[in-house]
Amino acid sequence: MNRRAAIKAGLTAAALAPGLAQAQPRKPQTFVLVHGAWHGGWCWRDVADRLTAAGCRVFTPTQTGLGQSRHLLSGTLTLQTFADDVANLLEMEDLKDVVLVGHSFAGPVISQVADRMRERISRLVYLDSLLIESGQSPFSVLPADVVEGRRKLAADQGAGVAIPNPMVSVFGVPEDHPRAAWVRRHLTPHPIGTYESRIRLEHPVGNGLPCTYVHCTQPSYAPLETSRQFARKQTGWTWRDLPTGHDAMVLAPDALTQLLLTGA
C-alpha cells in the first residue's frame, strides 16, 4: 500500500470509528436487589426479568428467616445476619462493580455491606429505604407508635421472636390490585431482633460511594420521613421521586427498571 492509499484508509477508519463505538454493546451491569421486611427475593421477580432481558446480571437474595428461608427464623437474627447474607453472596459469586439496591428495611443492610466491601460496589440505590447511622437500630428512627405497635405484635402473636405480616395495603398495594393476593401469600413474619439490633459502621452511611435515594410518592410511606430527611441532607447524593407506592418493584416494575438502568 502506497502512502496516499494508507492515508486514505486511515481517514476512512477514523470516520467509521464513532459508529463502531456506538455499535459496541454496553458492558452488562450487575444488580443485587435486596428486599425489605416481611418480603423475600421473590418480590423482585418482575424487575429481575426486565433487567435480565436488558442484558444485566441480577441476584435477588432472600434474607435468613424470611421467604424460602423462613424455616431459619429465630430469636438470634440481627442486622449483622442480614448484612452477612448479602456480603457472602458478593464474595461467593465473585461479584464486582455491583449496583446494590436496598428496599425499605434493606437500607441498613446495604449500608453495612458498603462499609466493609466498598471495592466491590459501583453505586448504592436506597429504594424508599430506612436509613440509620452507626450505633442506631431501626427502632431508633421509626415513630414511637410504630415501634410500640410492632413490639406488641411480636410479643402477643409472634412468640417474642417475629412481627406478624401486615396487610398488603401497608406497602401501598391496594387490596384489589392484581398482585395483592400474590404479595399476601408470600409475606412471612419478620424477626424482631433485626429491628432491635444496632449497626456498627466504620465510615459514614454510603462510604463515599455514589448514592441515590428513591422516594416512592404515591402514597408516601409515613414511617420513613426521618430517613428521607437524612437522605436530603447528604452531600452528593442523588434524589429521585417515583410516583408509585412503597412496593415499587410490585406496583411499577417498568418505571423502576428504567430508573435503575439509567443510573438511578
Protein backbone atom coordinates (compact mmCIF):
# COMPACT_ATOMS: atom_id res chain seq x y z
CA MET A 1 0.00 0.00 0.00
CA ASN A 2 1.46 3.40 -1.02
CA ARG A 3 1.46 6.44 1.24
CA ARG A 4 -1.63 8.02 -0.33
CA ALA A 5 -3.63 4.82 -0.02
CA ALA A 6 -2.53 4.38 3.58
CA ILE A 7 -3.64 7.91 4.48
CA LYS A 8 -6.99 7.33 2.78
CA ALA A 9 -7.51 4.07 4.64
CA GLY A 10 -6.66 5.75 7.93
CA LEU A 11 -9.14 8.57 7.33
CA THR A 12 -11.86 6.08 6.43
CA ALA A 13 -11.26 4.10 9.63
CA ALA A 14 -11.37 7.29 11.68
CA ALA A 15 -14.66 8.28 10.11
CA LEU A 16 -16.16 4.90 10.88
CA ALA A 17 -14.84 4.75 14.46
CA PRO A 18 -17.67 6.72 16.14
CA GLY A 19 -20.28 4.48 14.55
CA LEU A 20 -18.38 1.38 15.53
CA ALA A 21 -18.05 2.62 19.10
CA GLN A 22 -21.80 3.20 19.28
CA ALA A 23 -22.41 -0.28 17.94
CA GLN A 24 -20.38 -1.90 20.68
CA PRO A 25 -22.64 -3.45 23.37
CA ARG A 26 -22.60 -1.69 26.71
CA LYS A 27 -20.88 -3.60 29.48
CA PRO A 28 -23.59 -5.59 31.31
CA GLN A 29 -24.45 -4.21 34.73
CA THR A 30 -24.65 -6.44 37.78
CA PHE A 31 -27.53 -5.79 40.15
CA VAL A 32 -28.03 -7.20 43.63
CA LEU A 33 -31.58 -6.44 44.74
CA VAL A 34 -32.21 -6.72 48.48
CA HIS A 35 -35.77 -6.94 49.79
CA GLY A 36 -37.37 -5.30 52.79
CA ALA A 37 -39.18 -6.54 55.88
CA TRP A 38 -41.63 -9.46 55.55
CA HIS A 39 -40.59 -9.92 51.91
CA GLY A 40 -38.10 -12.19 50.13
CA GLY A 41 -36.19 -12.36 46.90
CA TRP A 42 -39.49 -13.30 45.25
CA CYS A 43 -40.74 -9.69 45.31
CA TRP A 44 -38.19 -8.64 42.67
CA ARG A 45 -39.44 -11.12 40.06
CA ASP A 46 -40.84 -8.61 37.57
CA VAL A 47 -37.92 -6.20 37.88
CA ALA A 48 -35.36 -9.01 37.69
CA ASP A 49 -36.96 -10.33 34.50
CA ARG A 50 -36.77 -6.90 32.89
CA LEU A 51 -33.18 -6.28 33.95
CA THR A 52 -32.14 -9.70 32.69
CA ALA A 53 -33.87 -9.04 29.35
CA ALA A 54 -31.78 -5.85 29.14
CA GLY A 55 -28.62 -7.93 29.40
CA CYS A 56 -27.88 -7.44 33.10
CA ARG A 57 -26.77 -9.97 35.70
CA VAL A 58 -29.29 -9.99 38.54
CA PHE A 59 -29.21 -11.53 42.02
CA THR A 60 -32.16 -11.42 44.42
CA PRO A 61 -31.03 -12.95 47.74
CA THR A 62 -33.53 -13.79 50.47
CA GLN A 63 -32.54 -12.83 54.00
CA THR A 64 -32.22 -15.53 56.65
CA GLY A 65 -35.56 -16.31 58.32
CA LEU A 66 -37.72 -14.95 55.52
CA GLY A 67 -39.25 -16.26 52.29
CA GLN A 68 -37.88 -19.67 51.38
CA SER A 69 -35.58 -19.40 54.42
CA ARG A 70 -38.49 -18.92 56.85
CA HIS A 71 -37.63 -22.24 58.49
CA LEU A 72 -34.49 -20.49 59.82
CA LEU A 73 -36.47 -17.85 61.72
CA SER A 74 -35.12 -17.48 65.25
CA GLY A 75 -34.60 -15.01 68.05
CA THR A 76 -30.87 -14.78 67.30
CA LEU A 77 -31.18 -13.00 63.95
CA THR A 78 -29.77 -9.47 63.78
CA LEU A 79 -28.96 -6.82 61.20
CA GLN A 80 -25.48 -8.31 61.06
CA THR A 81 -27.01 -11.61 59.93
CA PHE A 82 -28.72 -9.84 57.05
CA ALA A 83 -25.54 -7.98 56.10
CA ASP A 84 -23.61 -11.26 56.15
CA ASP A 85 -26.21 -12.81 53.81
CA VAL A 86 -25.52 -10.17 51.18
CA ALA A 87 -21.77 -9.86 51.77
CA ASN A 88 -21.36 -13.62 51.42
CA LEU A 89 -23.26 -13.54 48.14
CA LEU A 90 -20.92 -10.89 46.72
CA GLU A 91 -17.90 -12.90 47.83
CA MET A 92 -19.05 -16.36 46.77
CA GLU A 93 -20.26 -15.16 43.36
CA ASP A 94 -17.09 -13.07 42.85
CA LEU A 95 -19.21 -10.00 42.14
CA LYS A 96 -17.66 -6.64 41.33
CA ASP A 97 -18.97 -3.30 40.04
CA VAL A 98 -22.25 -4.14 41.72
CA VAL A 99 -25.27 -1.85 41.76
CA LEU A 100 -26.53 -2.64 45.25
CA VAL A 101 -30.23 -1.85 45.72
CA GLY A 102 -31.89 -1.92 49.12
CA HIS A 103 -35.65 -1.59 49.52
CA SER A 104 -37.16 -0.30 52.75
CA PHE A 105 -35.69 -2.28 55.67
CA ALA A 106 -32.72 -3.26 53.48
CA GLY A 107 -31.33 0.27 53.71
CA PRO A 108 -29.20 -0.51 56.79
CA VAL A 109 -28.24 -3.83 55.23
CA ILE A 110 -26.68 -2.34 52.10
CA SER A 111 -25.06 0.39 54.22
CA GLN A 112 -23.25 -2.30 56.23
CA VAL A 113 -22.18 -4.17 53.11
CA ALA A 114 -20.85 -0.96 51.55
CA ASP A 115 -19.00 -0.18 54.77
CA ARG A 116 -16.93 -3.36 54.53
CA MET A 117 -16.91 -4.18 50.78
CA ARG A 118 -16.70 -0.81 49.08
CA GLU A 119 -14.33 -2.10 46.41
CA ARG A 120 -16.98 -4.47 45.04
CA ILE A 121 -19.73 -1.86 44.65
CA SER A 122 -20.22 0.77 41.94
CA ARG A 123 -23.24 2.54 43.44
CA LEU A 124 -25.95 2.25 46.05
CA VAL A 125 -29.66 2.73 45.47
CA TYR A 126 -31.77 3.26 48.56
CA LEU A 127 -35.28 2.45 47.34
CA ASP A 128 -37.74 4.09 49.74
CA SER A 129 -35.31 2.91 52.39
CA LEU A 130 -34.78 3.12 56.09
CA LEU A 131 -31.53 4.94 56.87
CA ILE A 132 -29.68 4.67 60.17
CA GLU A 133 -26.24 5.67 61.37
CA SER A 134 -23.66 3.73 63.34
CA GLY A 135 -24.91 2.92 66.83
CA GLN A 136 -28.58 3.17 65.87
CA SER A 137 -31.15 0.45 65.41
CA PRO A 138 -34.14 0.60 63.05
CA PHE A 139 -36.36 1.22 66.08
CA SER A 140 -34.17 4.26 66.89
CA VAL A 141 -35.57 6.25 63.97
CA LEU A 142 -39.09 4.90 63.50
CA PRO A 143 -42.06 6.73 65.04
CA ALA A 144 -42.75 5.77 68.67
CA ASP A 145 -46.25 4.45 67.91
CA VAL A 146 -44.88 2.21 65.14
CA VAL A 147 -42.19 0.83 67.45
CA GLU A 148 -44.69 0.19 70.25
CA GLY A 149 -47.13 -1.48 67.88
CA ARG A 150 -44.57 -3.81 66.37
CA ARG A 151 -43.16 -4.81 69.72
CA LYS A 152 -46.65 -5.60 70.97
CA LEU A 153 -47.49 -7.65 67.89
CA ALA A 154 -44.27 -9.64 68.27
CA ALA A 155 -44.99 -10.28 71.96
CA ASP A 156 -48.66 -11.18 71.51
CA GLN A 157 -48.63 -13.01 68.18
CA GLY A 158 -45.01 -13.78 67.31
CA ALA A 159 -43.78 -15.55 70.46
CA GLY A 160 -41.49 -12.59 71.05
CA VAL A 161 -39.45 -13.60 68.01
CA ALA A 162 -41.19 -12.19 64.95
CA ILE A 163 -43.53 -9.43 63.85
CA PRO A 164 -46.58 -10.91 62.07
CA ASN A 165 -47.35 -9.97 58.48
CA PRO A 166 -49.15 -6.65 57.99
CA MET A 167 -51.86 -6.06 55.40
CA VAL A 168 -50.55 -5.51 51.88
CA SER A 169 -52.03 -2.02 51.90
CA VAL A 170 -49.24 -1.06 54.35
CA PHE A 171 -46.86 -1.40 51.39
CA GLY A 172 -49.04 0.77 49.17
CA VAL A 173 -50.55 -2.25 47.41
CA PRO A 174 -54.34 -1.81 47.12
CA GLU A 175 -56.31 -4.84 48.30
CA ASP A 176 -57.87 -5.13 44.83
CA HIS A 177 -54.58 -4.84 42.94
CA PRO A 178 -53.83 -7.77 40.56
CA ARG A 179 -50.67 -8.58 42.55
CA ALA A 180 -52.25 -8.17 46.02
CA ALA A 181 -53.05 -11.85 46.57
CA TRP A 182 -49.59 -12.86 45.32
CA VAL A 183 -47.86 -10.50 47.76
CA ARG A 184 -50.13 -11.54 50.64
CA ARG A 185 -49.42 -15.23 50.02
CA HIS A 186 -45.65 -14.74 50.04
CA LEU A 187 -45.18 -12.47 53.06
CA THR A 188 -43.61 -14.13 56.12
CA PRO A 189 -43.16 -12.96 59.75
CA HIS A 190 -40.13 -10.72 60.25
CA PRO A 191 -37.53 -11.34 63.01
CA ILE A 192 -37.83 -8.55 65.57
CA GLY A 193 -34.17 -8.93 66.51
CA THR A 194 -33.24 -7.18 63.26
CA TYR A 195 -35.26 -4.15 64.37
CA GLU A 196 -33.75 -4.10 67.86
CA SER A 197 -30.09 -4.62 66.92
CA ARG A 198 -27.71 -1.72 66.31
CA ILE A 199 -25.32 -1.39 63.41
CA ARG A 200 -21.66 -0.57 63.58
CA LEU A 201 -20.19 1.39 60.69
CA GLU A 202 -16.55 2.43 60.29
CA HIS A 203 -17.49 5.08 57.72
CA PRO A 204 -20.39 7.47 57.07
CA VAL A 205 -23.54 5.95 55.55
CA GLY A 206 -22.78 5.13 51.92
CA ASN A 207 -19.00 5.02 52.48
CA GLY A 208 -18.35 7.67 49.86
CA LEU A 209 -19.95 5.68 47.03
CA PRO A 210 -22.39 7.24 44.55
CA CYS A 211 -25.76 7.05 46.30
CA THR A 212 -29.31 7.57 45.12
CA TYR A 213 -32.37 7.82 47.32
CA VAL A 214 -35.65 6.95 45.59
CA HIS A 215 -38.78 8.31 47.24
CA CYS A 216 -41.98 6.45 46.36
CA THR A 217 -44.54 9.22 46.48
CA GLN A 218 -48.00 7.77 45.79
CA PRO A 219 -48.59 7.31 48.65
CA SER A 220 -45.54 8.32 50.64
CA TYR A 221 -44.70 5.79 53.37
CA ALA A 222 -45.00 7.86 56.55
CA PRO A 223 -42.70 5.86 58.89
CA LEU A 224 -39.71 6.73 56.66
CA GLU A 225 -39.95 10.51 56.99
CA THR A 226 -36.91 10.70 59.30
CA SER A 227 -34.90 8.66 56.81
CA ARG A 228 -35.94 10.89 53.92
CA GLN A 229 -34.86 13.97 55.84
CA PHE A 230 -31.50 12.33 56.47
CA ALA A 231 -31.08 11.50 52.77
CA ARG A 232 -31.86 15.05 51.68
CA LYS A 233 -29.05 16.36 53.88
CA GLN A 234 -26.37 14.13 52.37
CA THR A 235 -23.88 15.96 50.17
CA GLY A 236 -23.52 14.49 46.71
CA TRP A 237 -26.46 12.09 46.91
CA THR A 238 -28.98 11.94 44.07
CA TRP A 239 -32.68 12.22 44.85
CA ARG A 240 -35.40 10.65 42.67
CA ASP A 241 -39.17 10.70 43.05
CA LEU A 242 -41.07 7.67 41.78
CA PRO A 243 -44.86 8.13 41.52
CA THR A 244 -45.90 4.81 42.99
CA GLY A 245 -46.47 3.10 46.34
CA HIS A 246 -43.86 1.70 48.73
CA ASP A 247 -43.60 -1.71 47.00
CA ALA A 248 -42.39 -0.15 43.77
CA MET A 249 -40.99 -3.43 42.44
CA VAL A 250 -44.51 -4.88 42.52
CA LEU A 251 -46.51 -1.80 41.56
CA ALA A 252 -44.30 -0.16 38.94
CA PRO A 253 -41.69 -2.63 37.64
CA ASP A 254 -41.29 -0.86 34.30
CA ALA A 255 -40.66 2.56 35.80
CA LEU A 256 -38.33 1.17 38.46
CA THR A 257 -36.36 -0.86 35.92
CA GLN A 258 -35.91 2.18 33.72
CA LEU A 259 -34.73 4.22 36.69
CA LEU A 260 -32.17 1.56 37.61
CA LEU A 261 -30.90 1.16 34.05
CA THR A 262 -30.41 4.88 33.56
CA GLY A 263 -28.19 5.18 36.61
CA ALA A 264 -30.88 5.99 39.18
